[in-house]
């Protein structure tokens, strides 16, 4: 079963479900129709879409919990179209190892640029698809900050980075770090400074990695062999 839910302001506002039938690894049911959600939210209100896949009787038959490699396409008349990659709801390996290592969620983005004169603005989208409220902070590499960010459960917020500009300052470029009280899904959005709905780009951020970056050669070979065997279904 493939379920698509759309959430906004703590509520599921749309839901669609498809049934896919497989036999011996081949799809026997018709291909699912392309899912299109037409934005009907009020101005200034945001939301997010959640995909989930499960076996109908909930038996554990999936070989992997990896995110499916597809993009969402944002398109609207009079606006620039752009792509967005997807993110794990649960079981993201970098997030798990990061919180285990540092004790909190930490994201980073190295290429922020704000410019009033050139109408260049940026924001961070916070998606909180969990049942617990979220508190977050944005700090720059030169000690500027945006404090007191709060995101309710099953909600999303678009937080402008314009407050990083000092009084009378027209332009700033630098790096930012985001910390949060719980895991959260984040994206960087580049847009018009005057009109944040006029979006030009949509990028994922980079979680601080907590896992080791170097391994002994024998361990590296075991990991490579394990992944090779898993791809062929010989081990789970």
Protein backbone atom coordinates (compact mmCIF):
# COMPACT_ATOMS: atom_id res chain seq x y z
CA UNK A 1 0.00 0.00 0.00
CA UNK A 2 1.22 3.46 -0.90
CA UNK A 3 -0.22 6.28 1.22
CA UNK A 4 0.23 9.99 0.53
CA UNK A 5 -0.78 12.41 3.29
CA UNK A 6 -0.62 16.21 3.23
CA UNK A 7 -0.21 17.96 6.61
CA UNK A 8 -0.59 21.59 7.60
CA UNK A 9 -0.94 23.31 10.96
CA UNK A 10 -1.07 20.00 12.84
CA UNK A 11 -3.80 18.44 10.69
CA UNK A 12 -3.90 15.93 7.84
CA UNK A 13 -5.72 17.94 5.16
CA UNK A 14 -5.54 15.46 2.27
CA UNK A 15 -4.95 11.72 1.93
CA UNK A 16 -4.64 9.36 -1.04
CA UNK A 17 -3.92 5.62 -1.09
CA UNK A 18 -2.81 3.30 -3.89
CA UNK A 19 -2.57 -0.49 -3.86
CA UNK A 20 0.31 -2.07 -5.80
CA UNK A 21 0.28 -5.82 -6.48
CA UNK A 22 3.60 -7.63 -6.96
CA UNK A 23 4.25 -11.25 -7.89
CA UNK A 24 7.75 -12.75 -8.00
CA UNK A 25 9.22 -9.25 -7.88
CA UNK A 26 7.18 -7.93 -10.82
CA UNK A 27 4.38 -5.34 -10.70
CA UNK A 28 1.05 -6.92 -11.72
CA UNK A 29 -1.28 -4.00 -10.99
CA UNK A 30 -1.48 -0.88 -13.20
CA UNK A 31 1.10 1.84 -12.63
CA UNK A 32 -0.06 4.46 -10.14
CA UNK A 33 -1.22 7.74 -11.58
CA UNK A 34 0.97 10.77 -11.06
CA UNK A 35 0.00 12.42 -7.77
CA UNK A 36 -0.62 16.16 -8.03
CA UNK A 37 -1.57 18.27 -5.03
CA UNK A 38 -3.01 21.67 -5.86
CA UNK A 39 -2.11 24.16 -3.14
CA UNK A 40 -5.24 25.44 -1.43
CA UNK A 41 -3.64 26.91 1.68
CA UNK A 42 -4.04 30.51 2.75
CA UNK A 43 -1.17 32.90 2.09
CA UNK A 44 1.54 32.52 4.71
CA UNK A 45 0.41 29.00 5.69
CA UNK A 46 2.68 26.10 4.73
CA UNK A 47 2.45 22.33 4.70
CA UNK A 48 4.30 19.18 3.68
CA UNK A 49 3.63 15.88 1.94
CA UNK A 50 4.42 12.49 3.46
CA UNK A 51 4.84 9.24 1.46
CA UNK A 52 4.68 5.86 3.15
CA UNK A 53 4.81 2.29 1.87
CA UNK A 54 3.73 -0.84 3.71
CA UNK A 55 2.71 -4.42 3.06
CA UNK A 56 -1.08 -4.72 3.29
CA UNK A 57 -0.98 -7.17 6.21
CA UNK A 58 2.08 -5.41 7.71
CA UNK A 59 4.39 -8.39 7.25
CA UNK A 60 8.12 -7.38 7.16
CA UNK A 61 8.88 -8.13 3.49
CA UNK A 62 10.82 -5.01 2.47
CA UNK A 63 14.52 -5.67 1.92
CA UNK A 64 15.53 -2.09 2.73
CA UNK A 65 14.16 1.08 4.31
CA UNK A 66 16.08 3.40 1.96
CA UNK A 67 14.27 6.46 0.61
CA UNK A 68 13.00 5.94 -2.94
CA UNK A 69 15.18 7.91 -5.40
CA UNK A 70 12.65 10.34 -6.85
CA UNK A 71 12.13 14.10 -6.70
CA UNK A 72 9.08 16.22 -6.07
CA UNK A 73 8.40 18.94 -8.64
CA UNK A 74 7.05 22.32 -7.56
CA UNK A 75 5.32 24.23 -10.32
CA UNK A 76 2.93 27.16 -10.47
CA UNK A 77 1.85 29.55 -13.20
CA UNK A 78 3.96 32.68 -13.14
CA UNK A 79 6.58 31.10 -10.84
CA UNK A 80 9.85 29.30 -11.49
CA UNK A 81 9.57 25.50 -11.26
CA UNK A 82 12.06 23.66 -9.08
CA UNK A 83 12.85 20.17 -7.81
CA UNK A 84 13.10 18.95 -4.22
CA UNK A 85 14.71 15.77 -2.99
CA UNK A 86 13.14 13.73 -0.22
CA UNK A 87 14.09 12.99 3.39
CA UNK A 88 13.66 10.15 5.87
CA UNK A 89 10.87 10.42 8.43
CA UNK A 90 12.60 7.82 10.62
CA UNK A 91 15.82 5.80 10.56
CA UNK A 92 18.04 8.31 8.78
CA UNK A 93 21.57 6.88 9.35
CA UNK A 94 23.36 10.29 9.47
CA UNK A 95 20.83 11.68 11.97
CA UNK A 96 20.98 8.59 14.20
CA UNK A 97 24.79 8.62 14.36
CA UNK A 98 24.87 12.41 14.77
CA UNK A 99 22.57 12.50 17.80
CA UNK A 100 24.39 9.53 19.31
CA UNK A 101 27.70 11.40 18.95
CA UNK A 102 26.71 14.99 19.83
CA UNK A 103 23.52 14.55 21.84
CA UNK A 104 21.47 16.92 19.67
CA UNK A 105 20.39 17.64 16.11
CA UNK A 106 22.84 19.85 14.15
CA UNK A 107 22.50 21.00 10.53
CA UNK A 108 24.76 23.22 8.47
CA UNK A 109 24.62 25.27 5.28
CA UNK A 110 27.80 26.97 3.96
CA UNK A 111 26.64 29.33 1.20
CA UNK A 112 24.08 31.82 2.54
CA UNK A 113 23.92 35.22 0.84
CA UNK A 114 21.53 38.07 1.64
CA UNK A 115 21.38 41.25 -0.43
CA UNK A 116 18.61 43.85 -0.10
CA UNK A 117 19.72 45.89 -3.13
CA UNK A 118 19.86 42.87 -5.45
CA UNK A 119 16.58 41.48 -4.00
CA UNK A 120 18.29 38.28 -2.88
CA UNK A 121 16.83 36.62 0.19
CA UNK A 122 16.99 33.19 1.81
CA UNK A 123 14.94 31.22 4.30
CA UNK A 124 15.10 27.89 6.11
CA UNK A 125 12.11 25.58 5.94
CA UNK A 126 11.56 23.57 9.13
CA UNK A 127 9.32 20.50 8.76
CA UNK A 128 8.28 18.87 12.02
CA UNK A 129 6.42 15.65 11.07
CA UNK A 130 6.57 14.32 14.63
CA UNK A 131 4.24 14.47 17.64
CA UNK A 132 6.57 16.60 19.76
CA UNK A 133 6.96 20.42 19.51
CA UNK A 134 10.31 21.64 18.22
CA UNK A 135 12.60 24.47 19.33
CA UNK A 136 15.48 25.54 17.10
CA UNK A 137 18.25 28.14 16.79
CA UNK A 138 20.16 29.47 13.77
CA UNK A 139 23.72 30.73 14.38
CA UNK A 140 26.13 32.17 11.79
CA UNK A 141 29.89 31.76 11.59
CA UNK A 142 30.32 35.36 12.81
CA UNK A 143 28.02 34.96 15.85
CA UNK A 144 24.78 36.35 14.42
CA UNK A 145 21.73 34.41 15.50
CA UNK A 146 17.99 33.82 15.14
CA UNK A 147 16.63 32.52 18.43
CA UNK A 148 13.32 31.22 19.70
CA UNK A 149 12.21 29.31 16.60
CA UNK A 150 9.24 27.08 17.46
CA UNK A 151 7.52 24.57 15.18
CA UNK A 152 4.37 22.76 16.31
CA UNK A 153 3.87 19.02 15.72
CA UNK A 154 2.79 17.97 12.20
CA UNK A 155 3.58 21.46 10.96
CA UNK A 156 6.13 23.41 8.95
CA UNK A 157 7.49 26.93 9.03
CA UNK A 158 9.53 29.06 6.64
CA UNK A 159 11.98 31.13 8.71
CA UNK A 160 13.52 34.11 6.92
CA UNK A 161 17.27 34.65 7.33
CA UNK A 162 16.83 38.42 6.91
CA UNK A 163 17.23 38.96 10.71
CA UNK A 164 20.89 37.99 10.28
CA UNK A 165 21.44 41.40 8.66
CA UNK A 166 22.57 44.03 11.16
CA UNK A 167 20.87 47.42 11.39
CA UNK A 168 21.69 49.44 8.28
CA UNK A 169 23.42 46.48 6.61
CA UNK A 170 22.53 45.78 2.96
CA UNK A 171 24.45 42.54 2.31
CA UNK A 172 25.85 39.58 4.21
CA UNK A 173 27.35 36.25 3.15
CA UNK A 174 28.44 33.39 5.38
CA UNK A 175 27.71 30.01 6.89
CA UNK A 176 24.95 28.97 9.27
CA UNK A 177 24.47 26.20 11.81
CA UNK A 178 21.08 24.98 13.03
CA UNK A 179 20.55 23.21 16.33
CA UNK A 180 17.24 21.76 17.49
CA UNK A 181 15.71 19.96 20.45
CA UNK A 182 14.60 17.08 18.23
CA UNK A 183 15.32 15.74 14.76
CA UNK A 184 13.78 17.92 12.07
CA UNK A 185 13.66 18.06 8.27
CA UNK A 186 15.22 21.24 6.88
CA UNK A 187 15.63 22.88 3.48
CA UNK A 188 17.26 26.09 2.30
CA UNK A 189 15.13 28.27 0.01
CA UNK A 190 16.54 31.07 -2.12
CA UNK A 191 13.97 33.70 -3.07
CA UNK A 192 13.18 37.35 -3.66
CA UNK A 193 14.01 39.48 -0.62
CA UNK A 194 10.79 41.47 -1.13
CA UNK A 195 8.54 38.50 -1.95
CA UNK A 196 9.55 35.16 -0.33
CA UNK A 197 6.95 33.31 -2.44
CA UNK A 198 9.03 34.09 -5.54
CA UNK A 199 11.40 31.11 -5.12
CA UNK A 200 14.43 30.48 -7.33
CA UNK A 201 16.04 27.45 -5.65
CA UNK A 202 15.32 24.78 -3.03
CA UNK A 203 18.22 22.82 -1.46
CA UNK A 204 18.70 20.24 1.28
CA UNK A 205 21.04 20.99 4.18
CA UNK A 206 23.90 18.84 5.45
CA UNK A 207 23.61 17.19 8.89
CA UNK A 208 26.80 17.10 10.92
CA UNK A 209 28.15 13.58 10.55
CA UNK A 210 28.73 11.57 13.70
CA UNK A 211 29.94 8.30 12.21
CA UNK A 212 33.65 7.56 11.64
CA UNK A 213 35.11 8.78 8.35
CA UNK A 214 38.05 6.35 8.29
CA UNK A 215 38.10 2.57 8.79
CA UNK A 216 40.80 -0.09 8.96
CA UNK A 217 41.12 -1.81 5.58
CA UNK A 218 39.72 -5.10 6.94
CA UNK A 219 36.56 -3.37 8.28
CA UNK A 220 36.10 -1.45 5.02
CA UNK A 221 36.25 -4.71 3.07
CA UNK A 222 33.65 -6.31 5.39
CA UNK A 223 31.31 -3.34 4.90
CA UNK A 224 31.70 -3.46 1.12
CA UNK A 225 31.08 -7.21 1.08
CA UNK A 226 28.01 -6.84 3.32
CA UNK A 227 26.45 -4.20 1.04
CA UNK A 228 27.16 -6.36 -2.02
CA UNK A 229 25.46 -9.37 -0.41
CA UNK A 230 22.46 -7.26 0.68
CA UNK A 231 21.95 -5.89 -2.84
CA UNK A 232 21.68 -9.45 -4.09
CA UNK A 233 19.28 -10.47 -1.35
CA UNK A 234 21.60 -13.08 0.12
CA UNK A 235 21.55 -11.49 3.56
CA UNK A 236 19.10 -9.13 5.27
